[in-house]
Amino acid sequence: MSTTAQRLRRLTAAVLLCVAPLAPADDAGLSRTEAAAALTAPKPETRREASVRLGEVGTMDDVALLLRSLDDEDDTVRALAERSIWAIWSRSGDPVVDALFAEGAQQLASRQLANSVQTFTRIIELNPDFAEGWNKRATALFLAGDLEGSLRDCDEVLKRNPSHFGVLSGYGLIHARLGHPEQALAFFERALALNPNMDGVRANIESLKRDLARKGRQAI
């Protein structure tokens, strides 16, 4: 197996999977407005607290701020900001949908793929504008080997959430599986441009570039 294939295999089950949800918000903590302002505070400890708090109380409007924190000089701030972005993406605002989402995420984590597809399909039916429902179904379909179906769901994610670095990385994995290295490389680079902390994606980019150079091909 080539180095690129080995790295892609290791990423397959992880890149699109959701992270663990953050703990319920503490009403005594920073307000959403205060947390947003504190993301640029001089002290890294303050920025860390703000990053965590936005994961608890933030909305999609706050993701742009957290995306900027992915370039923070403090590695803990970067990690917390990424986790909080996923937490915000994973909240629909509908308790019924959110309960189903938690169920589907657990099914996905335990590789109950058919069940997870059914659960995320139900979520999509209930709230088709919830991008993360499409993303998690894309993950389940990918892991089940339905690459074309996964691509279709990735398209739906990107329509609703153009800054979704997870789905961009997912496109890269799918195109690599389909034998489209130039397309895979382009999507991996887009993902890394949004989130420069994805070391696995960076390794895939380097491997794909080496493979393409050996074959005398260039990235698109």
N, C-alpha and C. Protein backbone atom coordinates (compact mmCIF):
# COMPACT_ATOMS: atom_id res chain seq x y z
N MET A 1 0.86 -1.19 0.00
CA MET A 1 0.00 0.00 0.00
C MET A 1 0.89 1.24 0.00
N SER A 2 0.58 2.24 -0.81
CA SER A 2 1.39 3.44 -0.90
C SER A 2 1.24 4.28 0.37
N THR A 3 2.22 5.19 0.58
CA THR A 3 2.16 6.07 1.75
C THR A 3 0.88 6.89 1.75
N THR A 4 0.51 7.41 0.57
CA THR A 4 -0.73 8.19 0.48
C THR A 4 -1.93 7.36 0.87
N ALA A 5 -2.00 6.14 0.36
CA ALA A 5 -3.15 5.28 0.68
C ALA A 5 -3.21 4.96 2.15
N GLN A 6 -2.05 4.75 2.79
CA GLN A 6 -2.04 4.48 4.21
C GLN A 6 -2.57 5.65 5.01
N ARG A 7 -2.15 6.85 4.63
CA ARG A 7 -2.61 8.03 5.36
C ARG A 7 -4.09 8.26 5.14
N LEU A 8 -4.54 8.07 3.91
CA LEU A 8 -5.96 8.24 3.63
C LEU A 8 -6.79 7.24 4.42
N ARG A 9 -6.29 6.02 4.53
CA ARG A 9 -7.01 5.00 5.27
C ARG A 9 -7.16 5.38 6.74
N ARG A 10 -6.07 5.92 7.32
CA ARG A 10 -6.15 6.32 8.72
C ARG A 10 -7.14 7.45 8.94
N LEU A 11 -7.27 8.32 7.92
CA LEU A 11 -8.18 9.47 8.06
C LEU A 11 -9.64 9.11 7.79
N THR A 12 -9.87 8.01 7.11
CA THR A 12 -11.20 7.69 6.61
C THR A 12 -12.26 7.76 7.68
N ALA A 13 -12.00 7.16 8.84
CA ALA A 13 -13.02 7.09 9.87
C ALA A 13 -13.06 8.30 10.78
N ALA A 14 -12.15 9.26 10.57
CA ALA A 14 -12.03 10.34 11.53
C ALA A 14 -12.35 11.72 11.00
N VAL A 15 -12.04 12.02 9.76
CA VAL A 15 -12.05 13.40 9.29
C VAL A 15 -13.43 14.04 9.39
N LEU A 16 -14.47 13.31 9.01
CA LEU A 16 -15.80 13.91 9.01
C LEU A 16 -16.60 13.64 10.27
N LEU A 17 -16.08 12.81 11.16
CA LEU A 17 -16.84 12.46 12.34
C LEU A 17 -16.96 13.64 13.28
N CYS A 18 -18.09 13.73 13.99
CA CYS A 18 -18.29 14.84 14.92
C CYS A 18 -17.42 14.66 16.14
N VAL A 19 -17.09 15.76 16.79
CA VAL A 19 -16.38 15.72 18.05
C VAL A 19 -17.39 15.58 19.17
N ALA A 20 -16.91 15.23 20.36
CA ALA A 20 -17.81 15.12 21.50
C ALA A 20 -18.41 16.47 21.81
N PRO A 21 -19.71 16.52 22.17
CA PRO A 21 -20.34 17.80 22.47
C PRO A 21 -19.75 18.42 23.72
N LEU A 22 -19.78 19.73 23.76
CA LEU A 22 -19.34 20.43 24.95
C LEU A 22 -20.38 20.28 26.05
N ALA A 23 -19.95 20.50 27.28
CA ALA A 23 -20.86 20.42 28.41
C ALA A 23 -21.90 21.52 28.32
N PRO A 24 -23.08 21.32 28.96
CA PRO A 24 -24.10 22.36 28.94
C PRO A 24 -23.56 23.69 29.43
N ALA A 25 -24.11 24.76 28.88
CA ALA A 25 -23.63 26.10 29.22
C ALA A 25 -23.91 26.43 30.68
N ASP A 26 -22.96 27.11 31.29
CA ASP A 26 -23.10 27.62 32.65
C ASP A 26 -23.62 29.05 32.55
N ASP A 27 -24.82 29.29 33.07
CA ASP A 27 -25.44 30.60 32.94
C ASP A 27 -24.64 31.70 33.63
N ALA A 28 -23.71 31.31 34.52
CA ALA A 28 -22.92 32.31 35.23
C ALA A 28 -21.68 32.72 34.45
N GLY A 29 -21.45 32.12 33.31
CA GLY A 29 -20.26 32.41 32.53
C GLY A 29 -20.40 33.66 31.70
N LEU A 30 -19.43 33.86 30.81
CA LEU A 30 -19.46 35.01 29.91
C LEU A 30 -20.71 34.97 29.04
N SER A 31 -21.22 36.14 28.73
CA SER A 31 -22.30 36.21 27.76
C SER A 31 -21.72 35.94 26.38
N ARG A 32 -22.60 35.70 25.42
CA ARG A 32 -22.14 35.48 24.06
C ARG A 32 -21.36 36.69 23.55
N THR A 33 -21.85 37.89 23.81
CA THR A 33 -21.18 39.10 23.35
C THR A 33 -19.82 39.27 24.01
N GLU A 34 -19.78 38.99 25.32
CA GLU A 34 -18.51 39.09 26.04
C GLU A 34 -17.49 38.08 25.53
N ALA A 35 -17.96 36.87 25.27
CA ALA A 35 -17.06 35.82 24.77
C ALA A 35 -16.50 36.18 23.41
N ALA A 36 -17.36 36.71 22.54
CA ALA A 36 -16.90 37.11 21.21
C ALA A 36 -15.82 38.18 21.30
N ALA A 37 -16.02 39.15 22.19
CA ALA A 37 -15.04 40.22 22.35
C ALA A 37 -13.73 39.70 22.94
N ALA A 38 -13.84 38.72 23.83
CA ALA A 38 -12.66 38.19 24.52
C ALA A 38 -11.79 37.31 23.64
N LEU A 39 -12.26 36.94 22.47
CA LEU A 39 -11.46 36.11 21.57
C LEU A 39 -10.18 36.81 21.13
N THR A 40 -10.15 38.13 21.23
CA THR A 40 -8.96 38.88 20.83
C THR A 40 -8.24 39.50 22.03
N ALA A 41 -8.53 39.01 23.22
CA ALA A 41 -7.88 39.54 24.42
C ALA A 41 -6.38 39.24 24.41
N PRO A 42 -5.59 40.05 25.08
CA PRO A 42 -4.14 39.83 25.07
C PRO A 42 -3.72 38.52 25.73
N LYS A 43 -4.38 38.12 26.80
CA LYS A 43 -3.98 36.93 27.53
C LYS A 43 -4.55 35.67 26.88
N PRO A 44 -3.71 34.65 26.64
CA PRO A 44 -4.23 33.42 26.04
C PRO A 44 -5.26 32.72 26.91
N GLU A 45 -5.12 32.84 28.24
CA GLU A 45 -6.09 32.21 29.12
C GLU A 45 -7.49 32.77 28.89
N THR A 46 -7.57 34.08 28.65
CA THR A 46 -8.86 34.71 28.38
C THR A 46 -9.41 34.25 27.04
N ARG A 47 -8.54 34.13 26.05
CA ARG A 47 -8.99 33.68 24.73
C ARG A 47 -9.45 32.22 24.79
N ARG A 48 -8.79 31.42 25.62
CA ARG A 48 -9.21 30.02 25.78
C ARG A 48 -10.61 29.95 26.37
N GLU A 49 -10.82 30.72 27.44
CA GLU A 49 -12.15 30.75 28.08
C GLU A 49 -13.21 31.20 27.08
N ALA A 50 -12.89 32.20 26.30
CA ALA A 50 -13.85 32.73 25.32
C ALA A 50 -14.17 31.68 24.25
N SER A 51 -13.15 30.96 23.82
CA SER A 51 -13.36 29.93 22.80
C SER A 51 -14.29 28.84 23.30
N VAL A 52 -14.07 28.40 24.52
CA VAL A 52 -14.93 27.37 25.11
C VAL A 52 -16.35 27.90 25.25
N ARG A 53 -16.47 29.12 25.74
CA ARG A 53 -17.81 29.67 25.99
C ARG A 53 -18.62 29.81 24.72
N LEU A 54 -17.98 30.21 23.63
CA LEU A 54 -18.72 30.33 22.38
C LEU A 54 -19.19 28.95 21.90
N GLY A 55 -18.44 27.92 22.21
CA GLY A 55 -18.91 26.58 21.88
C GLY A 55 -20.17 26.22 22.63
N GLU A 56 -20.35 26.81 23.80
CA GLU A 56 -21.52 26.53 24.62
C GLU A 56 -22.73 27.39 24.23
N VAL A 57 -22.50 28.67 23.94
CA VAL A 57 -23.62 29.60 23.74
C VAL A 57 -23.62 30.26 22.37
N GLY A 58 -22.61 30.00 21.56
CA GLY A 58 -22.50 30.68 20.28
C GLY A 58 -23.49 30.18 19.24
N THR A 59 -23.60 30.96 18.18
CA THR A 59 -24.47 30.61 17.06
C THR A 59 -23.63 30.60 15.78
N MET A 60 -24.28 30.29 14.67
CA MET A 60 -23.57 30.26 13.39
C MET A 60 -22.93 31.61 13.07
N ASP A 61 -23.49 32.68 13.58
CA ASP A 61 -22.91 34.00 13.34
C ASP A 61 -21.54 34.15 13.99
N ASP A 62 -21.24 33.32 14.98
CA ASP A 62 -19.98 33.41 15.69
C ASP A 62 -18.88 32.54 15.07
N VAL A 63 -19.25 31.70 14.12
CA VAL A 63 -18.26 30.80 13.54
C VAL A 63 -17.14 31.57 12.83
N ALA A 64 -17.49 32.66 12.17
CA ALA A 64 -16.46 33.44 11.47
C ALA A 64 -15.38 33.92 12.44
N LEU A 65 -15.79 34.30 13.66
CA LEU A 65 -14.81 34.73 14.67
C LEU A 65 -13.93 33.56 15.09
N LEU A 66 -14.55 32.41 15.29
CA LEU A 66 -13.79 31.24 15.72
C LEU A 66 -12.86 30.73 14.61
N LEU A 67 -13.28 30.90 13.38
CA LEU A 67 -12.40 30.52 12.27
C LEU A 67 -11.11 31.34 12.31
N ARG A 68 -11.22 32.61 12.67
CA ARG A 68 -10.02 33.44 12.78
C ARG A 68 -9.13 32.95 13.92
N SER A 69 -9.76 32.41 14.96
CA SER A 69 -8.99 31.90 16.09
C SER A 69 -8.22 30.63 15.75
N LEU A 70 -8.53 30.01 14.63
CA LEU A 70 -7.76 28.84 14.21
C LEU A 70 -6.33 29.21 13.83
N ASP A 71 -6.06 30.51 13.70
CA ASP A 71 -4.70 31.00 13.44
C ASP A 71 -4.06 31.61 14.69
N ASP A 72 -4.68 31.43 15.84
CA ASP A 72 -4.17 32.02 17.07
C ASP A 72 -2.76 31.50 17.36
N GLU A 73 -1.94 32.33 17.99
CA GLU A 73 -0.56 31.91 18.30
C GLU A 73 -0.52 30.84 19.39
N ASP A 74 -1.60 30.70 20.14
CA ASP A 74 -1.67 29.72 21.23
C ASP A 74 -2.31 28.44 20.72
N ASP A 75 -1.60 27.31 20.84
CA ASP A 75 -2.13 26.08 20.27
C ASP A 75 -3.38 25.60 21.00
N THR A 76 -3.50 25.89 22.28
CA THR A 76 -4.71 25.50 23.01
C THR A 76 -5.91 26.29 22.52
N VAL A 77 -5.75 27.56 22.28
CA VAL A 77 -6.84 28.37 21.72
C VAL A 77 -7.27 27.79 20.38
N ARG A 78 -6.32 27.43 19.55
CA ARG A 78 -6.67 26.87 18.24
C ARG A 78 -7.49 25.60 18.38
N ALA A 79 -7.06 24.71 19.28
CA ALA A 79 -7.78 23.45 19.47
C ALA A 79 -9.18 23.69 20.03
N LEU A 80 -9.29 24.59 20.99
CA LEU A 80 -10.60 24.88 21.58
C LEU A 80 -11.52 25.56 20.58
N ALA A 81 -10.97 26.43 19.77
CA ALA A 81 -11.80 27.09 18.75
C ALA A 81 -12.34 26.08 17.76
N GLU A 82 -11.52 25.14 17.34
CA GLU A 82 -12.01 24.12 16.41
C GLU A 82 -13.12 23.29 17.04
N ARG A 83 -12.91 22.90 18.29
CA ARG A 83 -13.94 22.11 18.96
C ARG A 83 -15.25 22.88 19.07
N SER A 84 -15.14 24.17 19.35
CA SER A 84 -16.34 24.98 19.49
C SER A 84 -17.06 25.19 18.16
N ILE A 85 -16.29 25.29 17.08
CA ILE A 85 -16.92 25.37 15.76
C ILE A 85 -17.77 24.13 15.51
N TRP A 86 -17.21 22.96 15.78
CA TRP A 86 -17.97 21.73 15.59
C TRP A 86 -19.21 21.70 16.49
N ALA A 87 -19.06 22.19 17.73
CA ALA A 87 -20.20 22.21 18.65
C ALA A 87 -21.33 23.08 18.10
N ILE A 88 -20.98 24.25 17.58
CA ILE A 88 -22.00 25.14 17.01
C ILE A 88 -22.63 24.50 15.78
N TRP A 89 -21.81 23.95 14.90
CA TRP A 89 -22.34 23.30 13.71
C TRP A 89 -23.31 22.17 14.05
N SER A 90 -23.08 21.53 15.20
CA SER A 90 -23.86 20.35 15.57
C SER A 90 -25.16 20.68 16.30
N ARG A 91 -25.47 21.96 16.47
CA ARG A 91 -26.72 22.37 17.11
C ARG A 91 -27.69 22.89 16.07
N SER A 92 -28.87 22.30 16.01
CA SER A 92 -29.87 22.74 15.05
C SER A 92 -30.80 23.82 15.63
N GLY A 93 -30.89 23.86 16.96
CA GLY A 93 -31.85 24.75 17.61
C GLY A 93 -33.20 24.12 17.85
N ASP A 94 -33.39 22.90 17.37
CA ASP A 94 -34.63 22.15 17.57
C ASP A 94 -34.31 20.98 18.48
N PRO A 95 -34.91 20.90 19.68
CA PRO A 95 -34.56 19.83 20.62
C PRO A 95 -34.83 18.42 20.07
N VAL A 96 -35.86 18.28 19.24
CA VAL A 96 -36.14 16.96 18.66
C VAL A 96 -35.03 16.56 17.70
N VAL A 97 -34.65 17.49 16.83
CA VAL A 97 -33.58 17.22 15.88
C VAL A 97 -32.26 17.00 16.61
N ASP A 98 -31.99 17.79 17.64
CA ASP A 98 -30.74 17.65 18.37
C ASP A 98 -30.65 16.30 19.09
N ALA A 99 -31.78 15.82 19.60
CA ALA A 99 -31.78 14.50 20.24
C ALA A 99 -31.51 13.41 19.21
N LEU A 100 -32.13 13.53 18.05
CA LEU A 100 -31.87 12.57 16.98
C LEU A 100 -30.42 12.64 16.52
N PHE A 101 -29.88 13.85 16.48
CA PHE A 101 -28.49 14.03 16.05
C PHE A 101 -27.54 13.31 17.00
N ALA A 102 -27.79 13.44 18.31
CA ALA A 102 -26.95 12.76 19.29
C ALA A 102 -27.04 11.24 19.10
N GLU A 103 -28.24 10.76 18.83
CA GLU A 103 -28.43 9.32 18.59
C GLU A 103 -27.68 8.88 17.34
N GLY A 104 -27.81 9.65 16.27
CA GLY A 104 -27.14 9.31 15.02
C GLY A 104 -25.63 9.35 15.15
N ALA A 105 -25.12 10.34 15.89
CA ALA A 105 -23.68 10.44 16.09
C ALA A 105 -23.15 9.23 16.85
N GLN A 106 -23.91 8.76 17.83
CA GLN A 106 -23.49 7.57 18.57
C GLN A 106 -23.51 6.34 17.67
N GLN A 107 -24.54 6.22 16.85
CA GLN A 107 -24.60 5.10 15.91
C GLN A 107 -23.42 5.14 14.94
N LEU A 108 -23.08 6.33 14.48
CA LEU A 108 -21.97 6.49 13.55
C LEU A 108 -20.66 6.11 14.22
N ALA A 109 -20.47 6.57 15.47
CA ALA A 109 -19.23 6.27 16.18
C ALA A 109 -19.06 4.78 16.42
N SER A 110 -20.15 4.06 16.58
CA SER A 110 -20.08 2.62 16.81
C SER A 110 -20.25 1.81 15.52
N ARG A 111 -20.17 2.52 14.38
CA ARG A 111 -20.23 1.90 13.05
C ARG A 111 -21.54 1.15 12.78
N GLN A 112 -22.62 1.62 13.37
CA GLN A 112 -23.95 1.13 13.00
C GLN A 112 -24.40 1.96 11.80
N LEU A 113 -23.80 1.69 10.66
CA LEU A 113 -23.92 2.61 9.53
C LEU A 113 -25.32 2.68 8.97
N ALA A 114 -25.98 1.54 8.80
CA ALA A 114 -27.34 1.56 8.25
C ALA A 114 -28.28 2.34 9.17
N ASN A 115 -28.17 2.10 10.47
CA ASN A 115 -29.01 2.83 11.42
C ASN A 115 -28.71 4.32 11.41
N SER A 116 -27.43 4.67 11.32
CA SER A 116 -27.08 6.09 11.32
C SER A 116 -27.59 6.79 10.06
N VAL A 117 -27.53 6.10 8.92
CA VAL A 117 -28.07 6.68 7.69
C VAL A 117 -29.56 6.96 7.86
N GLN A 118 -30.27 6.03 8.45
CA GLN A 118 -31.71 6.22 8.67
C GLN A 118 -31.97 7.41 9.61
N THR A 119 -31.17 7.49 10.67
CA THR A 119 -31.37 8.58 11.63
C THR A 119 -31.09 9.94 11.00
N PHE A 120 -29.98 10.04 10.26
CA PHE A 120 -29.66 11.33 9.64
C PHE A 120 -30.61 11.66 8.49
N THR A 121 -31.14 10.64 7.84
CA THR A 121 -32.16 10.89 6.83
C THR A 121 -33.40 11.51 7.47
N ARG A 122 -33.78 11.00 8.63
CA ARG A 122 -34.92 11.56 9.35
C ARG A 122 -34.65 13.01 9.74
N ILE A 123 -33.42 13.30 10.18
CA ILE A 123 -33.05 14.67 10.53
C ILE A 123 -33.18 15.59 9.32
N ILE A 124 -32.69 15.13 8.18
CA ILE A 124 -32.76 15.92 6.95
C ILE A 124 -34.21 16.18 6.56
N GLU A 125 -35.07 15.19 6.75
CA GLU A 125 -36.49 15.37 6.46
C GLU A 125 -37.12 16.42 7.38
N LEU A 126 -36.72 16.40 8.64
CA LEU A 126 -37.28 17.33 9.61
C LEU A 126 -36.72 18.74 9.44
N ASN A 127 -35.43 18.83 9.10
CA ASN A 127 -34.79 20.14 8.99
C ASN A 127 -33.76 20.10 7.87
N PRO A 128 -34.19 20.26 6.64
CA PRO A 128 -33.26 20.17 5.51
C PRO A 128 -32.22 21.27 5.48
N ASP A 129 -32.41 22.36 6.24
CA ASP A 129 -31.44 23.45 6.26
C ASP A 129 -30.31 23.20 7.26
N PHE A 130 -30.39 22.15 8.04
CA PHE A 130 -29.38 21.83 9.04
C PHE A 130 -28.22 21.12 8.35
N ALA A 131 -27.16 21.87 8.06
CA ALA A 131 -26.06 21.34 7.25
C ALA A 131 -25.40 20.12 7.86
N GLU A 132 -25.32 20.09 9.19
CA GLU A 132 -24.58 19.00 9.82
C GLU A 132 -25.31 17.67 9.72
N GLY A 133 -26.64 17.71 9.54
CA GLY A 133 -27.36 16.47 9.28
C GLY A 133 -26.90 15.85 7.96
N TRP A 134 -26.75 16.69 6.94
CA TRP A 134 -26.24 16.22 5.65
C TRP A 134 -24.80 15.72 5.79
N ASN A 135 -24.00 16.46 6.57
CA ASN A 135 -22.59 16.08 6.70
C ASN A 135 -22.43 14.72 7.35
N LYS A 136 -23.20 14.48 8.41
CA LYS A 136 -23.05 13.20 9.09
C LYS A 136 -23.60 12.05 8.23
N ARG A 137 -24.64 12.33 7.45
CA ARG A 137 -25.08 11.26 6.54
C ARG A 137 -24.04 11.01 5.46
N ALA A 138 -23.38 12.07 5.00
CA ALA A 138 -22.29 11.91 4.04
C ALA A 138 -21.20 11.02 4.61
N THR A 139 -20.89 11.21 5.89
CA THR A 139 -19.88 10.39 6.55
C THR A 139 -20.30 8.93 6.57
N ALA A 140 -21.54 8.70 7.00
CA ALA A 140 -22.03 7.33 7.09
C ALA A 140 -22.03 6.65 5.72
N LEU A 141 -22.45 7.36 4.70
CA LEU A 141 -22.46 6.79 3.35
C LEU A 141 -21.04 6.51 2.87
N PHE A 142 -20.12 7.40 3.18
CA PHE A 142 -18.73 7.19 2.80
C PHE A 142 -18.17 5.93 3.45
N LEU A 143 -18.40 5.79 4.74
CA LEU A 143 -17.89 4.63 5.46
C LEU A 143 -18.56 3.34 4.98
N ALA A 144 -19.79 3.46 4.48
CA ALA A 144 -20.51 2.30 3.94
C ALA A 144 -20.11 1.99 2.51
N GLY A 145 -19.29 2.84 1.90
CA GLY A 145 -18.82 2.60 0.54
C GLY A 145 -19.65 3.25 -0.54
N ASP A 146 -20.67 4.03 -0.18
CA ASP A 146 -21.49 4.71 -1.18
C ASP A 146 -20.87 6.09 -1.46
N LEU A 147 -19.84 6.10 -2.29
CA LEU A 147 -19.10 7.33 -2.52
C LEU A 147 -19.91 8.36 -3.28
N GLU A 148 -20.68 7.93 -4.26
CA GLU A 148 -21.49 8.88 -5.03
C GLU A 148 -22.56 9.51 -4.15
N GLY A 149 -23.19 8.69 -3.32
CA GLY A 149 -24.18 9.23 -2.39
C GLY A 149 -23.56 10.20 -1.41
N SER A 150 -22.36 9.88 -0.94
CA SER A 150 -21.66 10.78 -0.03
C SER A 150 -21.33 12.10 -0.71
N LEU A 151 -20.89 12.04 -1.97
CA LEU A 151 -20.60 13.27 -2.70
C LEU A 151 -21.84 14.15 -2.82
N ARG A 152 -22.98 13.54 -3.09
CA ARG A 152 -24.21 14.33 -3.22
C ARG A 152 -24.54 15.04 -1.91
N ASP A 153 -24.35 14.33 -0.80
CA ASP A 153 -24.64 14.96 0.49
C ASP A 153 -23.61 16.04 0.81
N CYS A 154 -22.36 15.83 0.43
CA CYS A 154 -21.34 16.87 0.62
C CYS A 154 -21.74 18.15 -0.12
N ASP A 155 -22.29 17.99 -1.33
CA ASP A 155 -22.76 19.16 -2.07
C ASP A 155 -23.80 19.93 -1.28
N GLU A 156 -24.70 19.20 -0.61
CA GLU A 156 -25.75 19.86 0.16
C GLU A 156 -25.16 20.59 1.37
N VAL A 157 -24.13 20.00 1.98
CA VAL A 157 -23.48 20.67 3.11
C VAL A 157 -22.89 22.00 2.67
N LEU A 158 -22.14 21.96 1.57
CA LEU A 158 -21.43 23.16 1.14
C LEU A 158 -22.38 24.27 0.70
N LYS A 159 -23.56 23.90 0.19
CA LYS A 159 -24.56 24.91 -0.15
C LYS A 159 -24.98 25.70 1.10
N ARG A 160 -25.03 25.01 2.22
CA ARG A 160 -25.54 25.60 3.45
C ARG A 160 -24.44 26.14 4.35
N ASN A 161 -23.23 25.62 4.20
CA ASN A 161 -22.12 26.02 5.07
C ASN A 161 -20.83 26.04 4.27
N PRO A 162 -20.58 27.11 3.52
CA PRO A 162 -19.41 27.17 2.64
C PRO A 162 -18.07 27.11 3.36
N SER A 163 -18.05 27.37 4.67
CA SER A 163 -16.80 27.36 5.43
C SER A 163 -16.55 26.03 6.13
N HIS A 164 -17.26 25.00 5.74
CA HIS A 164 -17.16 23.70 6.42
C HIS A 164 -15.89 22.98 5.99
N PHE A 165 -14.81 23.19 6.75
CA PHE A 165 -13.54 22.56 6.41
C PHE A 165 -13.60 21.04 6.52
N GLY A 166 -14.51 20.52 7.35
CA GLY A 166 -14.65 19.07 7.46
C GLY A 166 -15.16 18.45 6.18
N VAL A 167 -16.17 19.06 5.59
CA VAL A 167 -16.72 18.49 4.36
C VAL A 167 -15.75 18.68 3.19
N LEU A 168 -14.99 19.76 3.20
CA LEU A 168 -13.98 19.93 2.14
C LEU A 168 -12.93 18.82 2.23
N SER A 169 -12.54 18.49 3.43
CA SER A 169 -11.62 17.36 3.61
C SER A 169 -12.29 16.06 3.19
N GLY A 170 -13.59 15.95 3.47
CA GLY A 170 -14.32 14.76 3.04
C GLY A 170 -14.35 14.61 1.53
N TYR A 171 -14.56 15.72 0.83
CA TYR A 171 -14.47 15.68 -0.63
C TYR A 171 -13.10 15.13 -1.06
N GLY A 172 -12.05 15.59 -0.37
CA GLY A 172 -10.72 15.11 -0.72
C GLY A 172 -10.59 13.61 -0.55
N LEU A 173 -11.10 13.08 0.54
CA LEU A 173 -11.04 11.64 0.77
C LEU A 173 -11.81 10.88 -0.31
N ILE A 174 -12.99 11.38 -0.66
CA ILE A 174 -13.81 10.69 -1.65
C ILE A 174 -13.10 10.68 -3.00
N HIS A 175 -12.60 11.83 -3.42
CA HIS A 175 -11.94 11.89 -4.73
C HIS A 175 -10.66 11.05 -4.74
N ALA A 176 -9.97 10.98 -3.61
CA ALA A 176 -8.81 10.10 -3.55
C ALA A 176 -9.22 8.65 -3.72
N ARG A 177 -10.33 8.25 -3.09
CA ARG A 177 -10.84 6.89 -3.25
C ARG A 177 -11.27 6.61 -4.68
N LEU A 178 -11.80 7.64 -5.34
CA LEU A 178 -12.28 7.47 -6.70
C LEU A 178 -11.14 7.52 -7.73
N GLY A 179 -9.93 7.77 -7.27
CA GLY A 179 -8.79 7.84 -8.19
C GLY A 179 -8.67 9.16 -8.91
N HIS A 180 -9.09 10.25 -8.24
CA HIS A 180 -9.00 11.59 -8.81
C HIS A 180 -8.04 12.42 -7.97
N PRO A 181 -6.73 12.20 -8.07
CA PRO A 181 -5.80 12.87 -7.16
C PRO A 181 -5.77 14.38 -7.28
N GLU A 182 -5.92 14.91 -8.51
CA GLU A 182 -5.89 16.36 -8.66
C GLU A 182 -7.07 17.01 -7.92
N GLN A 183 -8.25 16.42 -8.09
CA GLN A 183 -9.42 16.97 -7.40
C GLN A 183 -9.27 16.81 -5.88
N ALA A 184 -8.76 15.67 -5.46
CA ALA A 184 -8.56 15.44 -4.02
C ALA A 184 -7.63 16.50 -3.44
N LEU A 185 -6.55 16.76 -4.13
CA LEU A 185 -5.58 17.74 -3.67
C LEU A 185 -6.21 19.13 -3.55
N ALA A 186 -6.99 19.51 -4.55
CA ALA A 186 -7.62 20.83 -4.53
C ALA A 186 -8.54 20.98 -3.33
N PHE A 187 -9.31 19.95 -3.01
CA PHE A 187 -10.22 20.04 -1.87
C PHE A 187 -9.45 20.03 -0.55
N PHE A 188 -8.41 19.21 -0.45
CA PHE A 188 -7.61 19.22 0.77
C PHE A 188 -6.99 20.60 1.01
N GLU A 189 -6.54 21.24 -0.05
CA GLU A 189 -5.93 22.56 0.10
C GLU A 189 -6.96 23.60 0.53
N ARG A 190 -8.17 23.50 0.02
CA ARG A 190 -9.23 24.41 0.46
C ARG A 190 -9.55 24.21 1.93
N ALA A 191 -9.58 22.94 2.36
CA ALA A 191 -9.85 22.65 3.77
C ALA A 191 -8.76 23.23 4.66
N LEU A 192 -7.50 23.05 4.26
CA LEU A 192 -6.38 23.52 5.08
C LEU A 192 -6.32 25.04 5.12
N ALA A 193 -6.76 25.69 4.05
CA ALA A 193 -6.78 27.15 4.05
C ALA A 193 -7.74 27.69 5.10
N LEU A 194 -8.82 26.97 5.34
CA LEU A 194 -9.79 27.38 6.36
C LEU A 194 -9.34 26.97 7.76
N ASN A 195 -8.75 25.80 7.87
CA ASN A 195 -8.30 25.29 9.17
C ASN A 195 -6.88 24.75 9.03
N PRO A 196 -5.89 25.58 9.33
CA PRO A 196 -4.49 25.16 9.13
C PRO A 196 -3.99 24.17 10.17
N ASN A 197 -4.86 23.70 11.05
CA ASN A 197 -4.43 22.81 12.14
C ASN A 197 -4.69 21.34 11.84
N MET A 198 -5.14 21.02 10.64
CA MET A 198 -5.45 19.63 10.30
C MET A 198 -4.18 18.96 9.76
N ASP A 199 -3.41 18.38 10.66
CA ASP A 199 -2.13 17.81 10.28
C ASP A 199 -2.29 16.64 9.31
N GLY A 200 -3.36 15.85 9.48
CA GLY A 200 -3.58 14.74 8.57
C GLY A 200 -3.85 15.21 7.16
N VAL A 201 -4.60 16.28 7.02
CA VAL A 201 -4.87 16.85 5.70
C VAL A 201 -3.58 17.38 5.09
N ARG A 202 -2.76 18.04 5.90
CA ARG A 202 -1.49 18.54 5.39
C ARG A 202 -0.61 17.38 4.90
N ALA A 203 -0.60 16.28 5.64
CA ALA A 203 0.19 15.12 5.22
C ALA A 203 -0.35 14.55 3.91
N ASN A 204 -1.66 14.54 3.76
CA ASN A 204 -2.25 14.05 2.51
C ASN A 204 -1.85 14.93 1.33
N ILE A 205 -1.84 16.24 1.56
CA ILE A 205 -1.44 17.17 0.49
C ILE A 205 -0.01 16.88 0.05
N GLU A 206 0.87 16.73 1.01
CA GLU A 206 2.27 16.46 0.68
C GLU A 206 2.43 15.14 -0.07
N SER A 207 1.71 14.12 0.37
CA SER A 207 1.81 12.82 -0.30
C SER A 207 1.25 12.85 -1.71
N LEU A 208 0.11 13.52 -1.86
CA LEU A 208 -0.49 13.62 -3.19
C LEU A 208 0.42 14.39 -4.14
N LYS A 209 1.02 15.45 -3.64
CA LYS A 209 1.93 16.22 -4.50
C LYS A 209 3.12 15.38 -4.93
N ARG A 210 3.65 14.59 -4.01
CA ARG A 210 4.77 13.72 -4.37
C ARG A 210 4.34 12.68 -5.40
N ASP A 211 3.16 12.10 -5.18
CA ASP A 211 2.67 11.09 -6.13
C ASP A 211 2.44 11.69 -7.51
N LEU A 212 1.85 12.88 -7.54
CA LEU A 212 1.60 13.53 -8.83
C LEU A 212 2.91 13.90 -9.52
N ALA A 213 3.89 14.34 -8.74
CA ALA A 213 5.19 14.70 -9.33
C ALA A 213 5.86 13.47 -9.93
N ARG A 214 5.76 12.34 -9.25
CA ARG A 214 6.35 11.11 -9.78
C ARG A 214 5.70 10.70 -11.09
N LYS A 215 4.42 10.99 -11.19
CA LYS A 215 3.69 10.61 -12.39
C LYS A 215 3.71 11.71 -13.45
N GLY A 216 4.41 12.81 -13.17
CA GLY A 216 4.52 13.89 -14.14
C GLY A 216 3.24 14.65 -14.31
N ARG A 217 2.39 14.68 -13.26
CA ARG A 217 1.11 15.40 -13.35
C ARG A 217 1.16 16.57 -12.37
N GLN A 218 0.35 17.57 -12.64
CA GLN A 218 0.28 18.75 -11.83
C GLN A 218 -1.11 18.88 -11.21
N ALA A 219 -1.16 19.58 -10.09
CA ALA A 219 -2.46 19.83 -9.46
C ALA A 219 -3.27 20.78 -10.33
N ILE A 220 -4.61 20.61 -10.26
CA ILE A 220 -5.49 21.47 -11.03
C ILE A 220 -5.61 22.80 -10.30
